[in-house]
N, C-alpha and C. Protein backbone atom coordinates (compact mmCIF):
# COMPACT_ATOMS: atom_id res chain seq x y z
N MET A 1 25.22 -62.32 2.27
CA MET A 1 25.81 -61.10 2.77
C MET A 1 25.78 -60.01 1.70
N ALA A 2 26.08 -60.39 0.46
CA ALA A 2 26.08 -59.42 -0.63
C ALA A 2 24.68 -58.87 -0.86
N ALA A 3 23.68 -59.74 -0.75
CA ALA A 3 22.30 -59.30 -0.95
C ALA A 3 21.90 -58.33 0.15
N SER A 4 22.35 -58.57 1.35
CA SER A 4 22.04 -57.70 2.48
C SER A 4 22.65 -56.32 2.28
N LEU A 5 23.91 -56.27 1.83
CA LEU A 5 24.57 -54.98 1.60
C LEU A 5 23.92 -54.24 0.42
N ALA A 6 23.52 -54.97 -0.61
CA ALA A 6 22.86 -54.34 -1.76
C ALA A 6 21.51 -53.78 -1.34
N SER A 7 20.80 -54.51 -0.52
CA SER A 7 19.50 -54.06 -0.03
C SER A 7 19.65 -52.81 0.84
N GLN A 8 20.68 -52.83 1.67
CA GLN A 8 20.93 -51.67 2.54
C GLN A 8 21.31 -50.44 1.70
N ALA A 9 22.13 -50.61 0.69
CA ALA A 9 22.53 -49.51 -0.19
C ALA A 9 21.32 -48.96 -0.94
N ASN A 10 20.44 -49.86 -1.37
CA ASN A 10 19.23 -49.45 -2.07
C ASN A 10 18.32 -48.64 -1.14
N ALA A 11 18.19 -49.05 0.09
CA ALA A 11 17.36 -48.34 1.07
C ALA A 11 17.95 -46.95 1.36
N ILE A 12 19.27 -46.88 1.47
CA ILE A 12 19.92 -45.58 1.73
C ILE A 12 19.72 -44.65 0.53
N ALA A 13 19.81 -45.19 -0.69
CA ALA A 13 19.62 -44.38 -1.89
C ALA A 13 18.19 -43.83 -1.94
N TRP A 14 17.21 -44.69 -1.70
CA TRP A 14 15.81 -44.23 -1.71
C TRP A 14 15.55 -43.22 -0.58
N GLY A 15 16.12 -43.45 0.55
CA GLY A 15 15.96 -42.51 1.67
C GLY A 15 16.56 -41.15 1.33
N SER A 16 17.72 -41.15 0.69
CA SER A 16 18.35 -39.90 0.29
C SER A 16 17.49 -39.17 -0.75
N LEU A 17 16.92 -39.92 -1.68
CA LEU A 17 16.06 -39.32 -2.70
C LEU A 17 14.81 -38.70 -2.07
N VAL A 18 14.17 -39.42 -1.16
CA VAL A 18 12.98 -38.90 -0.48
C VAL A 18 13.35 -37.67 0.34
N LEU A 19 14.47 -37.73 1.03
CA LEU A 19 14.91 -36.59 1.83
C LEU A 19 15.19 -35.37 0.94
N ALA A 20 15.79 -35.59 -0.22
CA ALA A 20 16.07 -34.49 -1.15
C ALA A 20 14.77 -33.86 -1.65
N VAL A 21 13.78 -34.67 -1.96
CA VAL A 21 12.48 -34.15 -2.41
C VAL A 21 11.83 -33.34 -1.30
N ILE A 22 11.89 -33.84 -0.07
CA ILE A 22 11.30 -33.12 1.07
C ILE A 22 12.00 -31.77 1.26
N VAL A 23 13.33 -31.76 1.15
CA VAL A 23 14.09 -30.52 1.31
C VAL A 23 13.74 -29.52 0.21
N ILE A 24 13.59 -29.99 -1.02
CA ILE A 24 13.22 -29.10 -2.13
C ILE A 24 11.84 -28.50 -1.91
N ILE A 25 10.87 -29.32 -1.51
CA ILE A 25 9.52 -28.82 -1.25
C ILE A 25 9.53 -27.83 -0.09
N ALA A 26 10.27 -28.15 0.97
CA ALA A 26 10.35 -27.23 2.11
C ALA A 26 11.02 -25.91 1.70
N GLY A 27 12.04 -25.98 0.86
CA GLY A 27 12.71 -24.77 0.39
C GLY A 27 11.78 -23.89 -0.43
N ILE A 28 10.99 -24.49 -1.30
CA ILE A 28 10.04 -23.73 -2.11
C ILE A 28 8.98 -23.09 -1.21
N ALA A 29 8.46 -23.86 -0.25
CA ALA A 29 7.45 -23.32 0.67
C ALA A 29 8.04 -22.18 1.50
N TRP A 30 9.26 -22.35 1.98
CA TRP A 30 9.91 -21.29 2.77
C TRP A 30 10.11 -20.03 1.92
N GLY A 31 10.50 -20.21 0.67
CA GLY A 31 10.65 -19.07 -0.23
C GLY A 31 9.34 -18.33 -0.45
N LYS A 32 8.24 -19.07 -0.60
CA LYS A 32 6.92 -18.43 -0.76
C LYS A 32 6.55 -17.65 0.49
N ILE A 33 6.80 -18.23 1.65
CA ILE A 33 6.47 -17.56 2.92
C ILE A 33 7.29 -16.28 3.07
N ILE A 34 8.59 -16.36 2.81
CA ILE A 34 9.46 -15.19 2.93
C ILE A 34 9.06 -14.12 1.93
N THR A 35 8.73 -14.51 0.70
CA THR A 35 8.32 -13.54 -0.32
C THR A 35 7.04 -12.83 0.09
N ALA A 36 6.05 -13.58 0.59
CA ALA A 36 4.79 -12.96 1.02
C ALA A 36 5.02 -12.02 2.19
N ASN A 37 5.86 -12.43 3.13
CA ASN A 37 6.16 -11.58 4.29
C ASN A 37 6.89 -10.30 3.86
N ALA A 38 7.85 -10.43 2.96
CA ALA A 38 8.60 -9.26 2.48
C ALA A 38 7.68 -8.32 1.71
N GLU A 39 6.78 -8.86 0.91
CA GLU A 39 5.84 -8.02 0.16
C GLU A 39 4.92 -7.27 1.12
N HIS A 40 4.44 -7.95 2.15
CA HIS A 40 3.57 -7.30 3.14
C HIS A 40 4.31 -6.17 3.85
N GLU A 41 5.54 -6.43 4.27
CA GLU A 41 6.33 -5.39 4.94
C GLU A 41 6.65 -4.23 4.00
N ALA A 42 6.94 -4.53 2.74
CA ALA A 42 7.24 -3.46 1.78
C ALA A 42 6.02 -2.59 1.54
N ARG A 43 4.84 -3.20 1.43
CA ARG A 43 3.61 -2.42 1.25
C ARG A 43 3.33 -1.55 2.47
N ALA A 44 3.53 -2.11 3.65
CA ALA A 44 3.29 -1.34 4.88
C ALA A 44 4.26 -0.17 4.97
N MET A 45 5.52 -0.39 4.63
CA MET A 45 6.51 0.68 4.67
C MET A 45 6.21 1.75 3.62
N ALA A 46 5.82 1.32 2.42
CA ALA A 46 5.47 2.28 1.36
C ALA A 46 4.27 3.11 1.77
N LYS A 47 3.27 2.48 2.40
CA LYS A 47 2.09 3.23 2.85
C LYS A 47 2.47 4.23 3.93
N ALA A 48 3.32 3.81 4.86
CA ALA A 48 3.74 4.72 5.93
C ALA A 48 4.52 5.91 5.36
N CYS A 49 5.42 5.64 4.41
CA CYS A 49 6.20 6.72 3.79
C CYS A 49 5.29 7.65 2.99
N ALA A 50 4.34 7.08 2.26
CA ALA A 50 3.42 7.91 1.48
C ALA A 50 2.55 8.76 2.39
N ASP A 51 2.05 8.16 3.48
CA ASP A 51 1.24 8.93 4.43
C ASP A 51 2.04 10.08 5.03
N GLU A 52 3.29 9.81 5.38
CA GLU A 52 4.15 10.86 5.95
C GLU A 52 4.40 11.97 4.93
N TYR A 53 4.68 11.58 3.68
CA TYR A 53 4.93 12.56 2.63
C TYR A 53 3.68 13.41 2.37
N ILE A 54 2.52 12.76 2.31
CA ILE A 54 1.27 13.48 2.08
C ILE A 54 0.97 14.42 3.24
N LYS A 55 1.19 13.94 4.46
CA LYS A 55 0.94 14.79 5.63
C LYS A 55 1.85 16.02 5.59
N GLU A 56 3.12 15.82 5.25
CA GLU A 56 4.06 16.94 5.18
C GLU A 56 3.66 17.91 4.06
N TRP A 57 3.28 17.35 2.90
CA TRP A 57 2.89 18.20 1.78
C TRP A 57 1.63 19.01 2.13
N LEU A 58 0.66 18.34 2.74
CA LEU A 58 -0.57 19.04 3.12
C LEU A 58 -0.31 20.14 4.14
N SER A 59 0.59 19.88 5.08
CA SER A 59 0.86 20.90 6.10
C SER A 59 1.50 22.14 5.47
N LYS A 60 2.25 21.95 4.38
CA LYS A 60 2.88 23.09 3.71
C LYS A 60 1.96 23.74 2.68
N GLU A 61 1.25 22.94 1.90
CA GLU A 61 0.51 23.44 0.75
C GLU A 61 -0.97 23.70 1.01
N ALA A 62 -1.58 22.95 1.91
CA ALA A 62 -3.04 23.06 2.10
C ALA A 62 -3.48 24.45 2.53
N PRO A 63 -2.80 25.11 3.45
CA PRO A 63 -3.27 26.46 3.82
C PRO A 63 -3.33 27.41 2.62
N GLY A 64 -2.33 27.36 1.76
CA GLY A 64 -2.33 28.22 0.57
C GLY A 64 -3.45 27.87 -0.38
N ILE A 65 -3.69 26.58 -0.58
CA ILE A 65 -4.76 26.15 -1.47
C ILE A 65 -6.11 26.57 -0.91
N ILE A 66 -6.31 26.38 0.38
CA ILE A 66 -7.57 26.78 1.00
C ILE A 66 -7.75 28.29 0.90
N ARG A 67 -6.68 29.02 1.13
CA ARG A 67 -6.74 30.48 1.04
C ARG A 67 -7.14 30.91 -0.38
N GLU A 68 -6.56 30.27 -1.40
CA GLU A 68 -6.92 30.58 -2.79
C GLU A 68 -8.39 30.31 -3.05
N ARG A 69 -8.88 29.17 -2.57
CA ARG A 69 -10.29 28.82 -2.80
C ARG A 69 -11.22 29.81 -2.10
N VAL A 70 -10.87 30.19 -0.89
CA VAL A 70 -11.70 31.15 -0.16
C VAL A 70 -11.68 32.49 -0.87
N ASP A 71 -10.53 32.90 -1.40
CA ASP A 71 -10.45 34.16 -2.15
C ASP A 71 -11.31 34.09 -3.40
N LEU A 72 -11.30 32.93 -4.09
CA LEU A 72 -12.14 32.79 -5.28
C LEU A 72 -13.61 32.87 -4.91
N ILE A 73 -13.98 32.23 -3.81
CA ILE A 73 -15.38 32.28 -3.37
C ILE A 73 -15.74 33.70 -2.97
N ALA A 74 -14.85 34.38 -2.27
CA ALA A 74 -15.12 35.75 -1.86
C ALA A 74 -15.24 36.66 -3.08
N ASP A 75 -14.42 36.42 -4.12
CA ASP A 75 -14.50 37.22 -5.34
C ASP A 75 -15.80 36.97 -6.08
N ALA A 76 -16.33 35.76 -5.96
CA ALA A 76 -17.56 35.41 -6.67
C ALA A 76 -18.80 35.89 -5.93
N THR A 77 -18.63 36.33 -4.70
CA THR A 77 -19.77 36.78 -3.92
C THR A 77 -20.31 38.07 -4.52
N LEU A 78 -21.60 38.15 -4.60
CA LEU A 78 -22.24 39.31 -5.22
C LEU A 78 -22.55 40.37 -4.19
N GLY A 79 -22.48 41.61 -4.60
CA GLY A 79 -22.97 42.71 -3.79
C GLY A 79 -22.21 42.92 -2.51
N SER A 80 -22.94 42.94 -1.40
CA SER A 80 -22.41 43.34 -0.11
C SER A 80 -21.54 42.28 0.55
N GLY A 81 -21.42 41.14 -0.04
CA GLY A 81 -20.64 40.08 0.57
C GLY A 81 -21.51 39.01 1.19
N ASN A 82 -22.79 39.27 1.30
CA ASN A 82 -23.73 38.29 1.83
C ASN A 82 -24.52 37.75 0.65
N ASP A 83 -24.39 36.47 0.38
CA ASP A 83 -25.03 35.89 -0.80
C ASP A 83 -26.55 36.01 -0.74
N ALA A 84 -27.13 35.85 0.42
CA ALA A 84 -28.59 35.93 0.53
C ALA A 84 -29.07 37.34 0.20
N ASP A 85 -28.39 38.34 0.75
CA ASP A 85 -28.77 39.73 0.46
C ASP A 85 -28.54 40.04 -1.02
N ALA A 86 -27.44 39.55 -1.58
CA ALA A 86 -27.15 39.81 -2.99
C ALA A 86 -28.20 39.16 -3.88
N ALA A 87 -28.63 37.95 -3.53
CA ALA A 87 -29.67 37.29 -4.32
C ALA A 87 -30.98 38.06 -4.24
N ASP A 88 -31.32 38.54 -3.04
CA ASP A 88 -32.53 39.35 -2.90
C ASP A 88 -32.43 40.61 -3.75
N GLU A 89 -31.27 41.24 -3.74
CA GLU A 89 -31.06 42.46 -4.50
C GLU A 89 -31.21 42.21 -6.00
N ILE A 90 -30.62 41.11 -6.48
CA ILE A 90 -30.75 40.76 -7.89
C ILE A 90 -32.21 40.46 -8.22
N GLY A 91 -32.88 39.79 -7.30
CA GLY A 91 -34.30 39.49 -7.52
C GLY A 91 -35.14 40.75 -7.62
N ARG A 92 -34.87 41.74 -6.80
CA ARG A 92 -35.61 42.99 -6.85
C ARG A 92 -35.34 43.73 -8.16
N GLU A 93 -34.07 43.68 -8.61
CA GLU A 93 -33.71 44.38 -9.84
C GLU A 93 -34.33 43.71 -11.06
N ALA A 94 -34.52 42.42 -10.99
CA ALA A 94 -35.10 41.69 -12.13
C ALA A 94 -36.56 41.97 -12.16
C-alpha cells in the first residue's frame, strides 16, 4: 500500500512538473504573439497618423511652395516670357 501511494505521489509530482513546463512555454509563445501583434498595430497607427499629418501639412503649405517655385521659374525666364523666343533672341544677338 505504501509503495502504491509513493508511486502515485511521484506520478502527480512529475505531471505537475510537465504541466508547469507546458504553461511556461505557452506563456512565452503567447507573449511573443501579443508583442508581434501590438508592434504591427502600432506601426499601422503611426503610418496612418503620419499620412494624415503629411496630408494636412501639404494642403496648407504646398500651394505656397508651388507658388514660390513658379515665381522663381517666371523670374528666370528670359525676354518676353517665352523661353523658346528668348533663346532665339539670344542666339541672334550672339
